[in-house]
């Protein structure tokens, strides 16, 4: 359920970082939700700009593409944060978080991914309310771990395997457990989080294949169904991210496939207050083609497809009906 459609009840309580759903003053909650979505929209527009800059500025290609991926997962995860933690961050926290993210983007070419430390700490702190106590909180353990690993990243590949990969794992946990009609549990979520952290640390010492371990753990707990576009894409992604020993772009471009199957068609419309476009598989088809072309050495053709995909998604999204959230009565 979108956060702006949640009905609030009394009594109201004040918290340092959040407005708790059902226990906050309605107008303050509404304004905080608007600012949360506006900040996610800003991050989404930044994503498009960074991806296009990475395609057309080859000397800074890695920096812009990794920053674009980080911005994308900031947007899609932050807009869902109210559902993940049962609360909406205060407006000041929302804009401070985006400012810290921009600081990381600007400073990381000079000081490395440690520039994202303020962003990672504040973003992880916002998850503290939703780490334990309810089944729907447990997947947040994976996301929070990825946030804390981001400033420890020493290479672009490690940065991609931090918060972005953790975000995908946590979303796949939620989706595939639900599709399998399995209950979220502290044990399974902690096992996925532990396997993920161990794999990240193994990558840091040169074992690039180690990412297969959390993928295997997640698959044992809840294998994706292969009878639809999301399930096939999720299954592909789980093993493609372990192919870094054969080339880092086998990992980078795998994100394009899973993004096109899940986050782009469903979460971008929510961020933009638009109805969901009726895609027919063309997003995944283009992303998969770009994946093959890039890793076969046809970088220019792959770049053209990615640029076209960005523009196509923008066009399809903005032609849909706009539905802003109504203010509270």
C-alpha atoms as a PDB file:
ATOM      1  CA  UNK A   1       0.000   0.000   0.000  1.00  0.00           C
ATOM      2  CA  UNK A   2       1.423   3.429  -0.895  1.00  0.00           C
ATOM      3  CA  UNK A   3       2.398   5.338   2.252  1.00  0.00           C
ATOM      4  CA  UNK A   4       0.101   8.272   1.432  1.00  0.00           C
ATOM      5  CA  UNK A   5      -2.963   6.018   1.513  1.00  0.00           C
ATOM      6  CA  UNK A   6      -2.485   4.760   5.056  1.00  0.00           C
ATOM      7  CA  UNK A   7      -5.193   5.804   7.504  1.00  0.00           C
ATOM      8  CA  UNK A   8      -3.908   7.323  10.730  1.00  0.00           C
ATOM      9  CA  UNK A   9      -5.352   6.841  14.188  1.00  0.00           C
ATOM     10  CA  UNK A  10      -4.716   8.413  17.582  1.00  0.00           C
ATOM     11  CA  UNK A  11      -3.013   8.766  20.023  1.00  0.00           C
ATOM     12  CA  UNK A  12      -0.176  10.845  18.551  1.00  0.00           C
ATOM     13  CA  UNK A  13       3.393  10.239  19.699  1.00  0.00           C
ATOM     14  CA  UNK A  14       6.573  12.180  19.024  1.00  0.00           C
ATOM     15  CA  UNK A  15       9.714  10.366  17.891  1.00  0.00           C
ATOM     16  CA  UNK A  16      13.155  11.714  17.122  1.00  0.00           C
ATOM     17  CA  UNK A  17      13.471  10.510  13.507  1.00  0.00           C
ATOM     18  CA  UNK A  18      10.070   9.209  12.443  1.00  0.00           C
ATOM     19  CA  UNK A  19       6.348   9.769  12.329  1.00  0.00           C
ATOM     20  CA  UNK A  20       4.945   6.367  13.243  1.00  0.00           C
ATOM     21  CA  UNK A  21       2.061   5.119  11.123  1.00  0.00           C
ATOM     22  CA  UNK A  22      -1.191   5.258  13.070  1.00  0.00           C
ATOM     23  CA  UNK A  23       0.339   7.182  15.990  1.00  0.00           C
ATOM     24  CA  UNK A  24       1.260  10.542  14.472  1.00  0.00           C
ATOM     25  CA  UNK A  25      -0.499  13.835  13.811  1.00  0.00           C
ATOM     26  CA  UNK A  26      -2.096  13.405  10.361  1.00  0.00           C
ATOM     27  CA  UNK A  27      -0.942  16.654   8.724  1.00  0.00           C
ATOM     28  CA  UNK A  28       2.652  16.292   9.922  1.00  0.00           C
ATOM     29  CA  UNK A  29       2.671  12.703   8.668  1.00  0.00           C
ATOM     30  CA  UNK A  30       1.217  13.793   5.325  1.00  0.00           C
ATOM     31  CA  UNK A  31       3.829  16.523   4.839  1.00  0.00           C
ATOM     32  CA  UNK A  32       6.644  14.154   5.793  1.00  0.00           C
ATOM     33  CA  UNK A  33       5.346  11.641   3.240  1.00  0.00           C
ATOM     34  CA  UNK A  34       5.214  14.272   0.511  1.00  0.00           C
ATOM     35  CA  UNK A  35       8.806  15.248   1.219  1.00  0.00           C
ATOM     36  CA  UNK A  36       9.882  11.602   1.236  1.00  0.00           C
ATOM     37  CA  UNK A  37       8.408  11.073  -2.237  1.00  0.00           C
ATOM     38  CA  UNK A  38       9.787  14.382  -3.535  1.00  0.00           C
ATOM     39  CA  UNK A  39      13.259  13.365  -2.409  1.00  0.00           C
ATOM     40  CA  UNK A  40      12.834   9.971  -4.108  1.00  0.00           C
ATOM     41  CA  UNK A  41      11.778  11.785  -7.289  1.00  0.00           C
ATOM     42  CA  UNK A  42      14.919  13.946  -7.097  1.00  0.00           C
ATOM     43  CA  UNK A  43      17.041  10.805  -6.715  1.00  0.00           C
ATOM     44  CA  UNK A  44      15.257   9.205  -9.666  1.00  0.00           C
ATOM     45  CA  UNK A  45      15.933  12.199 -11.914  1.00  0.00           C
ATOM     46  CA  UNK A  46      19.532  12.144 -10.700  1.00  0.00           C
ATOM     47  CA  UNK A  47      19.691   8.461 -11.659  1.00  0.00           C
ATOM     48  CA  UNK A  48      18.753   9.216 -15.257  1.00  0.00           C
ATOM     49  CA  UNK A  49      21.250  12.082 -15.434  1.00  0.00           C
ATOM     50  CA  UNK A  50      24.075   9.971 -14.005  1.00  0.00           C
ATOM     51  CA  UNK A  51      23.389   7.025 -16.308  1.00  0.00           C
ATOM     52  CA  UNK A  52      23.305   9.261 -19.377  1.00  0.00           C
ATOM     53  CA  UNK A  53      26.476  11.050 -18.232  1.00  0.00           C
ATOM     54  CA  UNK A  54      28.180   7.682 -17.810  1.00  0.00           C
ATOM     55  CA  UNK A  55      27.232   6.690 -21.339  1.00  0.00           C
ATOM     56  CA  UNK A  56      28.519   9.873 -22.964  1.00  0.00           C
ATOM     57  CA  UNK A  57      31.547  10.681 -20.751  1.00  0.00           C
ATOM     58  CA  UNK A  58      33.751   7.591 -21.094  1.00  0.00           C
ATOM     59  CA  UNK A  59      36.566   8.926 -18.891  1.00  0.00           C
ATOM     60  CA  UNK A  60      34.164   8.995 -15.922  1.00  0.00           C
ATOM     61  CA  UNK A  61      32.067   6.037 -17.040  1.00  0.00           C
ATOM     62  CA  UNK A  62      32.514   3.870 -13.934  1.00  0.00           C
ATOM     63  CA  UNK A  63      31.960   6.703 -11.480  1.00  0.00           C
ATOM     64  CA  UNK A  64      28.742   7.895 -13.080  1.00  0.00           C
ATOM     65  CA  UNK A  65      27.298   4.427 -13.690  1.00  0.00           C
ATOM     66  CA  UNK A  66      27.947   3.235 -10.127  1.00  0.00           C
ATOM     67  CA  UNK A  67      26.629   6.520  -8.717  1.00  0.00           C
ATOM     68  CA  UNK A  68      23.559   6.123 -10.922  1.00  0.00           C
ATOM     69  CA  UNK A  69      22.949   2.621  -9.614  1.00  0.00           C
ATOM     70  CA  UNK A  70      23.286   3.850  -6.023  1.00  0.00           C
ATOM     71  CA  UNK A  71      20.894   6.723  -6.734  1.00  0.00           C
ATOM     72  CA  UNK A  72      18.376   4.347  -8.294  1.00  0.00           C
ATOM     73  CA  UNK A  73      18.312   2.015  -5.313  1.00  0.00           C
ATOM     74  CA  UNK A  74      18.169   4.958  -2.940  1.00  0.00           C
ATOM     75  CA  UNK A  75      15.015   6.135  -4.744  1.00  0.00           C
ATOM     76  CA  UNK A  76      13.227   2.778  -4.938  1.00  0.00           C
ATOM     77  CA  UNK A  77      14.119   1.675  -1.408  1.00  0.00           C
ATOM     78  CA  UNK A  78      13.494   5.029   0.262  1.00  0.00           C
ATOM     79  CA  UNK A  79      10.031   5.403  -1.245  1.00  0.00           C
ATOM     80  CA  UNK A  80       9.169   2.009   0.295  1.00  0.00           C
ATOM     81  CA  UNK A  81      10.698   2.798   3.670  1.00  0.00           C
ATOM     82  CA  UNK A  82       7.349   3.600   5.379  1.00  0.00           C
ATOM     83  CA  UNK A  83       6.140   0.100   4.581  1.00  0.00           C
ATOM     84  CA  UNK A  84       9.443  -1.422   5.680  1.00  0.00           C
ATOM     85  CA  UNK A  85       9.630   0.291   9.097  1.00  0.00           C
ATOM     86  CA  UNK A  86       6.003   1.317   9.734  1.00  0.00           C
ATOM     87  CA  UNK A  87       6.988   4.989   9.899  1.00  0.00           C
ATOM     88  CA  UNK A  88       7.895   8.001   7.772  1.00  0.00           C
ATOM     89  CA  UNK A  89      11.149   9.879   8.485  1.00  0.00           C
ATOM     90  CA  UNK A  90      10.959  13.520   9.486  1.00  0.00           C
ATOM     91  CA  UNK A  91      11.428  16.002   6.656  1.00  0.00           C
ATOM     92  CA  UNK A  92      14.780  17.116   8.033  1.00  0.00           C
ATOM     93  CA  UNK A  93      16.053  13.528   8.015  1.00  0.00           C
ATOM     94  CA  UNK A  94      14.809  12.993   4.465  1.00  0.00           C
ATOM     95  CA  UNK A  95      16.601  16.023   3.019  1.00  0.00           C
ATOM     96  CA  UNK A  96      19.719  15.507   5.124  1.00  0.00           C
ATOM     97  CA  UNK A  97      19.921  11.974   3.740  1.00  0.00           C
ATOM     98  CA  UNK A  98      19.684  13.205   0.149  1.00  0.00           C
ATOM     99  CA  UNK A  99      22.300  15.899   0.871  1.00  0.00           C
ATOM    100  CA  UNK A 100      24.645  13.259   2.304  1.00  0.00           C
ATOM    101  CA  UNK A 101      24.079  11.143  -0.804  1.00  0.00           C
ATOM    102  CA  UNK A 102      24.996  14.052  -3.077  1.00  0.00           C
ATOM    103  CA  UNK A 103      28.097  14.612  -0.954  1.00  0.00           C
ATOM    104  CA  UNK A 104      29.066  10.990  -1.557  1.00  0.00           C
ATOM    105  CA  UNK A 105      28.572  11.310  -5.313  1.00  0.00           C
ATOM    106  CA  UNK A 106      30.629  14.507  -5.469  1.00  0.00           C
ATOM    107  CA  UNK A 107      33.439  13.471  -3.124  1.00  0.00           C
ATOM    108  CA  UNK A 108      33.891   9.789  -3.962  1.00  0.00           C
ATOM    109  CA  UNK A 109      36.162  10.380  -6.997  1.00  0.00           C
ATOM    110  CA  UNK A 110      38.634  12.037  -4.626  1.00  0.00           C
ATOM    111  CA  UNK A 111      38.324  10.129  -1.346  1.00  0.00           C
ATOM    112  CA  UNK A 112      36.695   6.871  -2.416  1.00  0.00           C
ATOM    113  CA  UNK A 113      33.449   5.360  -1.196  1.00  0.00           C
ATOM    114  CA  UNK A 114      34.214   6.445   2.357  1.00  0.00           C
ATOM    115  CA  UNK A 115      32.560   9.679   1.183  1.00  0.00           C
ATOM    116  CA  UNK A 116      29.236   7.877   1.589  1.00  0.00           C
ATOM    117  CA  UNK A 117      29.791   7.285   5.319  1.00  0.00           C
ATOM    118  CA  UNK A 118      27.401  10.036   6.549  1.00  0.00           C
ATOM    119  CA  UNK A 119      24.761   8.818   4.096  1.00  0.00           C
ATOM    120  CA  UNK A 120      25.180   5.183   5.105  1.00  0.00           C
ATOM    121  CA  UNK A 121      25.050   5.882   8.831  1.00  0.00           C
ATOM    122  CA  UNK A 122      21.917   8.042   8.653  1.00  0.00           C
ATOM    123  CA  UNK A 123      20.144   5.715   6.240  1.00  0.00           C
ATOM    124  CA  UNK A 124      20.955   2.679   8.397  1.00  0.00           C
ATOM    125  CA  UNK A 125      19.788   4.593  11.484  1.00  0.00           C
ATOM    126  CA  UNK A 126      16.397   5.121   9.829  1.00  0.00           C
ATOM    127  CA  UNK A 127      16.076   1.338   9.596  1.00  0.00           C
ATOM    128  CA  UNK A 128      16.736   0.841  13.320  1.00  0.00           C
ATOM    129  CA  UNK A 129      13.029   1.099  14.096  1.00  0.00           C
ATOM    130  CA  UNK A 130      12.309  -1.781  11.724  1.00  0.00           C
ATOM    131  CA  UNK A 131      14.967  -4.414  12.285  1.00  0.00           C
ATOM    132  CA  UNK A 132      13.303  -6.708  14.786  1.00  0.00           C
ATOM    133  CA  UNK A 133       9.992  -7.607  16.370  1.00  0.00           C
ATOM    134  CA  UNK A 134       7.736  -8.125  13.333  1.00  0.00           C
ATOM    135  CA  UNK A 135       8.126 -10.572  10.442  1.00  0.00           C
ATOM    136  CA  UNK A 136       7.921  -7.771   7.854  1.00  0.00           C
ATOM    137  CA  UNK A 137      10.912  -6.100   9.520  1.00  0.00           C
ATOM    138  CA  UNK A 138      13.331  -9.009   9.156  1.00  0.00           C
ATOM    139  CA  UNK A 139      14.366  -8.464   5.493  1.00  0.00           C
ATOM    140  CA  UNK A 140      15.583  -5.008   6.552  1.00  0.00           C
ATOM    141  CA  UNK A 141      18.574  -6.748   8.142  1.00  0.00           C
ATOM    142  CA  UNK A 142      19.963  -7.377   4.659  1.00  0.00           C
ATOM    143  CA  UNK A 143      19.398  -3.808   3.480  1.00  0.00           C
ATOM    144  CA  UNK A 144      20.959  -2.275   6.595  1.00  0.00           C
ATOM    145  CA  UNK A 145      24.007  -4.522   6.212  1.00  0.00           C
ATOM    146  CA  UNK A 146      24.481  -3.350   2.635  1.00  0.00           C
ATOM    147  CA  UNK A 147      24.246   0.288   3.684  1.00  0.00           C
ATOM    148  CA  UNK A 148      26.946  -0.153   6.292  1.00  0.00           C
ATOM    149  CA  UNK A 149      29.211  -1.940   3.811  1.00  0.00           C
ATOM    150  CA  UNK A 150      29.011   0.833   1.203  1.00  0.00           C
ATOM    151  CA  UNK A 151      31.657   3.130   2.779  1.00  0.00           C
ATOM    152  CA  UNK A 152      33.939   0.098   3.214  1.00  0.00           C
ATOM    153  CA  UNK A 153      33.973  -0.486  -0.540  1.00  0.00           C
ATOM    154  CA  UNK A 154      37.385  -0.105  -2.188  1.00  0.00           C
ATOM    155  CA  UNK A 155      36.363  -0.618  -5.833  1.00  0.00           C
ATOM    156  CA  UNK A 156      33.353   0.110  -8.055  1.00  0.00           C
ATOM    157  CA  UNK A 157      32.507  -3.591  -8.038  1.00  0.00           C
ATOM    158  CA  UNK A 158      32.441  -3.669  -4.238  1.00  0.00           C
ATOM    159  CA  UNK A 159      30.226  -0.578  -4.190  1.00  0.00           C
ATOM    160  CA  UNK A 160      27.754  -2.300  -6.518  1.00  0.00           C
ATOM    161  CA  UNK A 161      27.815  -5.377  -4.274  1.00  0.00           C
ATOM    162  CA  UNK A 162      27.054  -3.262  -1.195  1.00  0.00           C
ATOM    163  CA  UNK A 163      23.760  -1.357  -0.932  1.00  0.00           C
ATOM    164  CA  UNK A 164      22.465  -2.127  -4.466  1.00  0.00           C
ATOM    165  CA  UNK A 165      22.929  -5.894  -4.150  1.00  0.00           C
ATOM    166  CA  UNK A 166      21.619  -5.908  -0.577  1.00  0.00           C
ATOM    167  CA  UNK A 167      18.523  -4.051  -1.794  1.00  0.00           C
ATOM    168  CA  UNK A 168      17.874  -6.647  -4.483  1.00  0.00           C
ATOM    169  CA  UNK A 169      18.359  -9.517  -2.037  1.00  0.00           C
ATOM    170  CA  UNK A 170      15.945  -7.986   0.475  1.00  0.00           C
ATOM    171  CA  UNK A 171      13.328  -7.364  -2.214  1.00  0.00           C
ATOM    172  CA  UNK A 172      13.697 -10.890  -3.590  1.00  0.00           C
ATOM    173  CA  UNK A 173      13.366 -12.229  -0.041  1.00  0.00           C
ATOM    174  CA  UNK A 174      10.070 -10.379   0.376  1.00  0.00           C
ATOM    175  CA  UNK A 175       8.711 -11.290  -3.048  1.00  0.00           C
ATOM    176  CA  UNK A 176       9.789 -14.919  -3.321  1.00  0.00           C
ATOM    177  CA  UNK A 177       8.864 -15.814   0.263  1.00  0.00           C
ATOM    178  CA  UNK A 178       5.428 -14.261  -0.334  1.00  0.00           C
ATOM    179  CA  UNK A 179       4.957 -16.046  -3.649  1.00  0.00           C
ATOM    180  CA  UNK A 180       5.922 -19.329  -1.988  1.00  0.00           C
ATOM    181  CA  UNK A 181       3.470 -18.530   0.852  1.00  0.00           C
ATOM    182  CA  UNK A 182       6.262 -18.801   3.399  1.00  0.00           C
ATOM    183  CA  UNK A 183       6.420 -16.713   6.548  1.00  0.00           C
ATOM    184  CA  UNK A 184       9.270 -14.247   7.004  1.00  0.00           C
ATOM    185  CA  UNK A 185      11.391 -15.338   9.949  1.00  0.00           C
ATOM    186  CA  UNK A 186      14.290 -13.920  11.921  1.00  0.00           C
ATOM    187  CA  UNK A 187      16.260 -17.110  11.287  1.00  0.00           C
ATOM    188  CA  UNK A 188      16.021 -17.065   7.493  1.00  0.00           C
ATOM    189  CA  UNK A 189      16.554 -13.309   7.188  1.00  0.00           C
ATOM    190  CA  UNK A 190      19.562 -13.411   9.510  1.00  0.00           C
ATOM    191  CA  UNK A 191      20.989 -16.336   7.538  1.00  0.00           C
ATOM    192  CA  UNK A 192      20.680 -14.428   4.241  1.00  0.00           C
ATOM    193  CA  UNK A 193      22.182 -11.304   5.840  1.00  0.00           C
ATOM    194  CA  UNK A 194      25.087 -13.268   7.344  1.00  0.00           C
ATOM    195  CA  UNK A 195      25.789 -15.063   4.058  1.00  0.00           C
ATOM    196  CA  UNK A 196      25.674 -11.744   2.237  1.00  0.00           C
ATOM    197  CA  UNK A 197      28.112 -10.014   4.624  1.00  0.00           C
ATOM    198  CA  UNK A 198      30.465 -13.009   4.511  1.00  0.00           C
ATOM    199  CA  UNK A 199      30.361 -12.966   0.699  1.00  0.00           C
ATOM    200  CA  UNK A 200      31.117  -9.247   0.578  1.00  0.00           C
ATOM    201  CA  UNK A 201      34.126  -9.718   2.864  1.00  0.00           C
ATOM    202  CA  UNK A 202      35.281 -12.646   0.726  1.00  0.00           C
ATOM    203  CA  UNK A 203      35.072 -10.462  -2.380  1.00  0.00           C
ATOM    204  CA  UNK A 204      37.293  -7.908  -0.647  1.00  0.00           C
ATOM    205  CA  UNK A 205      40.060 -10.502  -0.356  1.00  0.00           C
ATOM    206  CA  UNK A 206      39.711 -11.641  -3.949  1.00  0.00           C
ATOM    207  CA  UNK A 207      37.062 -14.383  -3.938  1.00  0.00           C
ATOM    208  CA  UNK A 208      34.730 -12.753  -6.453  1.00  0.00           C
ATOM    209  CA  UNK A 209      32.673 -15.915  -6.880  1.00  0.00           C
ATOM    210  CA  UNK A 210      31.566 -15.786  -3.220  1.00  0.00           C
ATOM    211  CA  UNK A 211      28.405 -13.849  -4.083  1.00  0.00           C
ATOM    212  CA  UNK A 212      26.968 -17.187  -5.195  1.00  0.00           C
ATOM    213  CA  UNK A 213      26.684 -18.184  -1.523  1.00  0.00           C
ATOM    214  CA  UNK A 214      23.922 -15.754  -0.431  1.00  0.00           C
ATOM    215  CA  UNK A 215      22.193 -16.411  -3.745  1.00  0.00           C
ATOM    216  CA  UNK A 216      22.236 -20.118  -2.944  1.00  0.00           C
ATOM    217  CA  UNK A 217      20.981 -19.547   0.611  1.00  0.00           C
ATOM    218  CA  UNK A 218      18.122 -17.381  -0.640  1.00  0.00           C
ATOM    219  CA  UNK A 219      17.251 -19.914  -3.337  1.00  0.00           C
ATOM    220  CA  UNK A 220      17.169 -22.787  -0.843  1.00  0.00           C
ATOM    221  CA  UNK A 221      14.764 -20.835   1.357  1.00  0.00           C
ATOM    222  CA  UNK A 222      12.563 -19.556  -1.498  1.00  0.00           C
ATOM    223  CA  UNK A 223      13.336 -20.441  -5.096  1.00  0.00           C
ATOM    224  CA  UNK A 224      11.878 -18.013  -7.650  1.00  0.00           C
ATOM    225  CA  UNK A 225       9.171 -19.330  -9.923  1.00  0.00           C
ATOM    226  CA  UNK A 226      10.412 -19.528 -13.498  1.00  0.00           C
ATOM    227  CA  UNK A 227       7.011 -19.258 -15.154  1.00  0.00           C
ATOM    228  CA  UNK A 228       6.950 -15.461 -15.421  1.00  0.00           C
ATOM    229  CA  UNK A 229       9.245 -12.595 -16.352  1.00  0.00           C
ATOM    230  CA  UNK A 230      10.161 -11.602 -12.813  1.00  0.00           C
ATOM    231  CA  UNK A 231      10.910 -15.169 -11.716  1.00  0.00           C
ATOM    232  CA  UNK A 232      13.159 -15.902 -14.697  1.00  0.00           C
ATOM    233  CA  UNK A 233      14.960 -12.566 -14.278  1.00  0.00           C
ATOM    234  CA  UNK A 234      15.439 -13.109 -10.541  1.00  0.00           C
ATOM    235  CA  UNK A 235      16.855 -16.584 -11.124  1.00  0.00           C
ATOM    236  CA  UNK A 236      19.254 -15.237 -13.762  1.00  0.00           C
ATOM    237  CA  UNK A 237      20.381 -12.365 -11.550  1.00  0.00           C
ATOM    238  CA  UNK A 238      21.181 -14.562  -8.541  1.00  0.00           C
ATOM    239  CA  UNK A 239      23.867 -16.392 -10.468  1.00  0.00           C
ATOM    240  CA  UNK A 240      25.016 -13.643 -12.848  1.00  0.00           C
ATOM    241  CA  UNK A 241      26.261 -11.562  -9.892  1.00  0.00           C
ATOM    242  CA  UNK A 242      28.753 -14.339  -9.135  1.00  0.00           C
ATOM    243  CA  UNK A 243      30.356 -14.089 -12.595  1.00  0.00           C
ATOM    244  CA  UNK A 244      32.724 -11.233 -11.718  1.00  0.00           C
ATOM    245  CA  UNK A 245      35.811 -13.488 -12.126  1.00  0.00           C
ATOM    246  CA  UNK A 246      34.915 -13.591 -15.833  1.00  0.00           C
ATOM    247  CA  UNK A 247      34.384  -9.815 -16.100  1.00  0.00           C
ATOM    248  CA  UNK A 248      32.881  -7.118 -13.923  1.00  0.00           C
ATOM    249  CA  UNK A 249      30.346  -6.060 -16.555  1.00  0.00           C
ATOM    250  CA  UNK A 250      28.736  -9.488 -16.276  1.00  0.00           C
ATOM    251  CA  UNK A 251      27.705  -8.211 -12.832  1.00  0.00           C
ATOM    252  CA  UNK A 252      27.001  -4.573 -13.658  1.00  0.00           C
ATOM    253  CA  UNK A 253      24.732  -5.359 -16.590  1.00  0.00           C
ATOM    254  CA  UNK A 254      22.888  -8.049 -14.616  1.00  0.00           C
ATOM    255  CA  UNK A 255      21.424  -5.232 -12.532  1.00  0.00           C
ATOM    256  CA  UNK A 256      19.861  -3.806 -15.694  1.00  0.00           C
ATOM    257  CA  UNK A 257      17.947  -7.063 -16.150  1.00  0.00           C
ATOM    258  CA  UNK A 258      16.532  -7.304 -12.628  1.00  0.00           C
ATOM    259  CA  UNK A 259      15.799  -3.562 -12.538  1.00  0.00           C
ATOM    260  CA  UNK A 260      13.814  -3.912 -15.756  1.00  0.00           C
ATOM    261  CA  UNK A 261      11.818  -6.836 -14.382  1.00  0.00           C
ATOM    262  CA  UNK A 262      10.897  -5.369 -11.004  1.00  0.00           C
ATOM    263  CA  UNK A 263      11.877  -1.878  -9.895  1.00  0.00           C
ATOM    264  CA  UNK A 264      11.434   0.027 -13.156  1.00  0.00           C
ATOM    265  CA  UNK A 265       7.925  -1.175 -14.084  1.00  0.00           C
ATOM    266  CA  UNK A 266       6.464  -1.111 -10.570  1.00  0.00           C
ATOM    267  CA  UNK A 267       8.321   1.325  -8.321  1.00  0.00           C
ATOM    268  CA  UNK A 268       9.071   4.175 -10.723  1.00  0.00           C
ATOM    269  CA  UNK A 269       5.340   4.860 -11.279  1.00  0.00           C
ATOM    270  CA  UNK A 270       4.812   4.972  -7.499  1.00  0.00           C
ATOM    271  CA  UNK A 271       7.638   7.483  -7.115  1.00  0.00           C
ATOM    272  CA  UNK A 272       6.189   9.666  -9.883  1.00  0.00           C
ATOM    273  CA  UNK A 273       2.559   9.359  -8.684  1.00  0.00           C
ATOM    274  CA  UNK A 274       1.629   7.684 -11.967  1.00  0.00           C
ATOM    275  CA  UNK A 275      -0.419   4.673 -12.920  1.00  0.00           C
ATOM    276  CA  UNK A 276       1.625   1.605 -13.830  1.00  0.00           C
ATOM    277  CA  UNK A 277       2.291   1.428 -17.595  1.00  0.00           C
ATOM    278  CA  UNK A 278       1.332  -1.807 -19.302  1.00  0.00           C
ATOM    279  CA  UNK A 279       4.725  -3.089 -20.292  1.00  0.00           C
ATOM    280  CA  UNK A 280       4.808  -6.334 -22.263  1.00  0.00           C
ATOM    281  CA  UNK A 281       8.297  -7.584 -21.523  1.00  0.00           C
ATOM    282  CA  UNK A 282      10.093  -5.082 -23.705  1.00  0.00           C
ATOM    283  CA  UNK A 283      12.111  -3.672 -20.797  1.00  0.00           C
ATOM    284  CA  UNK A 284      13.650  -7.026 -19.901  1.00  0.00           C
ATOM    285  CA  UNK A 285      14.185  -7.872 -23.567  1.00  0.00           C
ATOM    286  CA  UNK A 286      16.147  -4.663 -24.148  1.00  0.00           C
ATOM    287  CA  UNK A 287      18.135  -5.067 -20.913  1.00  0.00           C
ATOM    288  CA  UNK A 288      18.994  -8.680 -21.740  1.00  0.00           C
ATOM    289  CA  UNK A 289      20.084  -7.676 -25.242  1.00  0.00           C
ATOM    290  CA  UNK A 290      22.261  -4.888 -23.819  1.00  0.00           C
ATOM    291  CA  UNK A 291      23.740  -7.430 -21.385  1.00  0.00           C
ATOM    292  CA  UNK A 292      24.758  -9.735 -24.233  1.00  0.00           C
ATOM    293  CA  UNK A 293      26.054  -6.925 -26.446  1.00  0.00           C
ATOM    294  CA  UNK A 294      28.135  -5.283 -23.719  1.00  0.00           C
ATOM    295  CA  UNK A 295      29.777  -8.532 -22.699  1.00  0.00           C
ATOM    296  CA  UNK A 296      30.341  -9.524 -26.317  1.00  0.00           C
ATOM    297  CA  UNK A 297      32.318  -6.348 -26.921  1.00  0.00           C
ATOM    298  CA  UNK A 298      29.664  -4.228 -28.640  1.00  0.00           C
ATOM    299  CA  UNK A 299      29.769  -1.444 -26.054  1.00  0.00           C
ATOM    300  CA  UNK A 300      28.406   1.302 -28.316  1.00  0.00           C
ATOM    301  CA  UNK A 301      25.309  -0.695 -29.249  1.00  0.00           C
ATOM    302  CA  UNK A 302      24.726  -1.625 -25.596  1.00  0.00           C
ATOM    303  CA  UNK A 303      25.065   2.037 -24.585  1.00  0.00           C
ATOM    304  CA  UNK A 304      22.558   3.072 -27.234  1.00  0.00           C
ATOM    305  CA  UNK A 305      20.053   0.530 -25.927  1.00  0.00           C
ATOM    306  CA  UNK A 306      20.521   1.689 -22.321  1.00  0.00           C
ATOM    307  CA  UNK A 307      20.084   5.346 -23.307  1.00  0.00           C
ATOM    308  CA  UNK A 308      16.994   4.456 -25.306  1.00  0.00           C
ATOM    309  CA  UNK A 309      15.605   2.478 -22.391  1.00  0.00           C
ATOM    310  CA  UNK A 310      15.994   5.446 -20.029  1.00  0.00           C
ATOM    311  CA  UNK A 311      14.159   7.756 -22.436  1.00  0.00           C
ATOM    312  CA  UNK A 312      11.489   5.142 -23.196  1.00  0.00           C
ATOM    313  CA  UNK A 313      10.702   4.571 -19.522  1.00  0.00           C
ATOM    314  CA  UNK A 314      10.440   8.338 -18.961  1.00  0.00           C
ATOM    315  CA  UNK A 315       8.055   8.682 -21.899  1.00  0.00           C
ATOM    316  CA  UNK A 316       5.883   5.728 -20.844  1.00  0.00           C
ATOM    317  CA  UNK A 317       5.760   6.901 -17.230  1.00  0.00           C
ATOM    318  CA  UNK A 318       4.813  10.521 -17.833  1.00  0.00           C
ATOM    319  CA  UNK A 319       2.049   9.683 -20.281  1.00  0.00           C
ATOM    320  CA  UNK A 320       0.177   7.782 -17.565  1.00  0.00           C
ATOM    321  CA  UNK A 321      -2.480   9.356 -15.330  1.00  0.00           C
ATOM    322  CA  UNK A 322      -1.130  11.488 -12.484  1.00  0.00           C
ATOM    323  CA  UNK A 323      -2.595  10.799  -9.042  1.00  0.00           C
ATOM    324  CA  UNK A 324      -1.163  12.969  -6.261  1.00  0.00           C
ATOM    325  CA  UNK A 325      -1.994  12.002  -2.689  1.00  0.00           C
ATOM    326  CA  UNK A 326      -4.988  13.812  -1.158  1.00  0.00           C
ATOM    327  CA  UNK A 327      -4.374  15.779   2.053  1.00  0.00           C
ATOM    328  CA  UNK A 328      -5.804  14.430   5.299  1.00  0.00           C
ATOM    329  CA  UNK A 329      -9.342  15.572   6.228  1.00  0.00           C
END
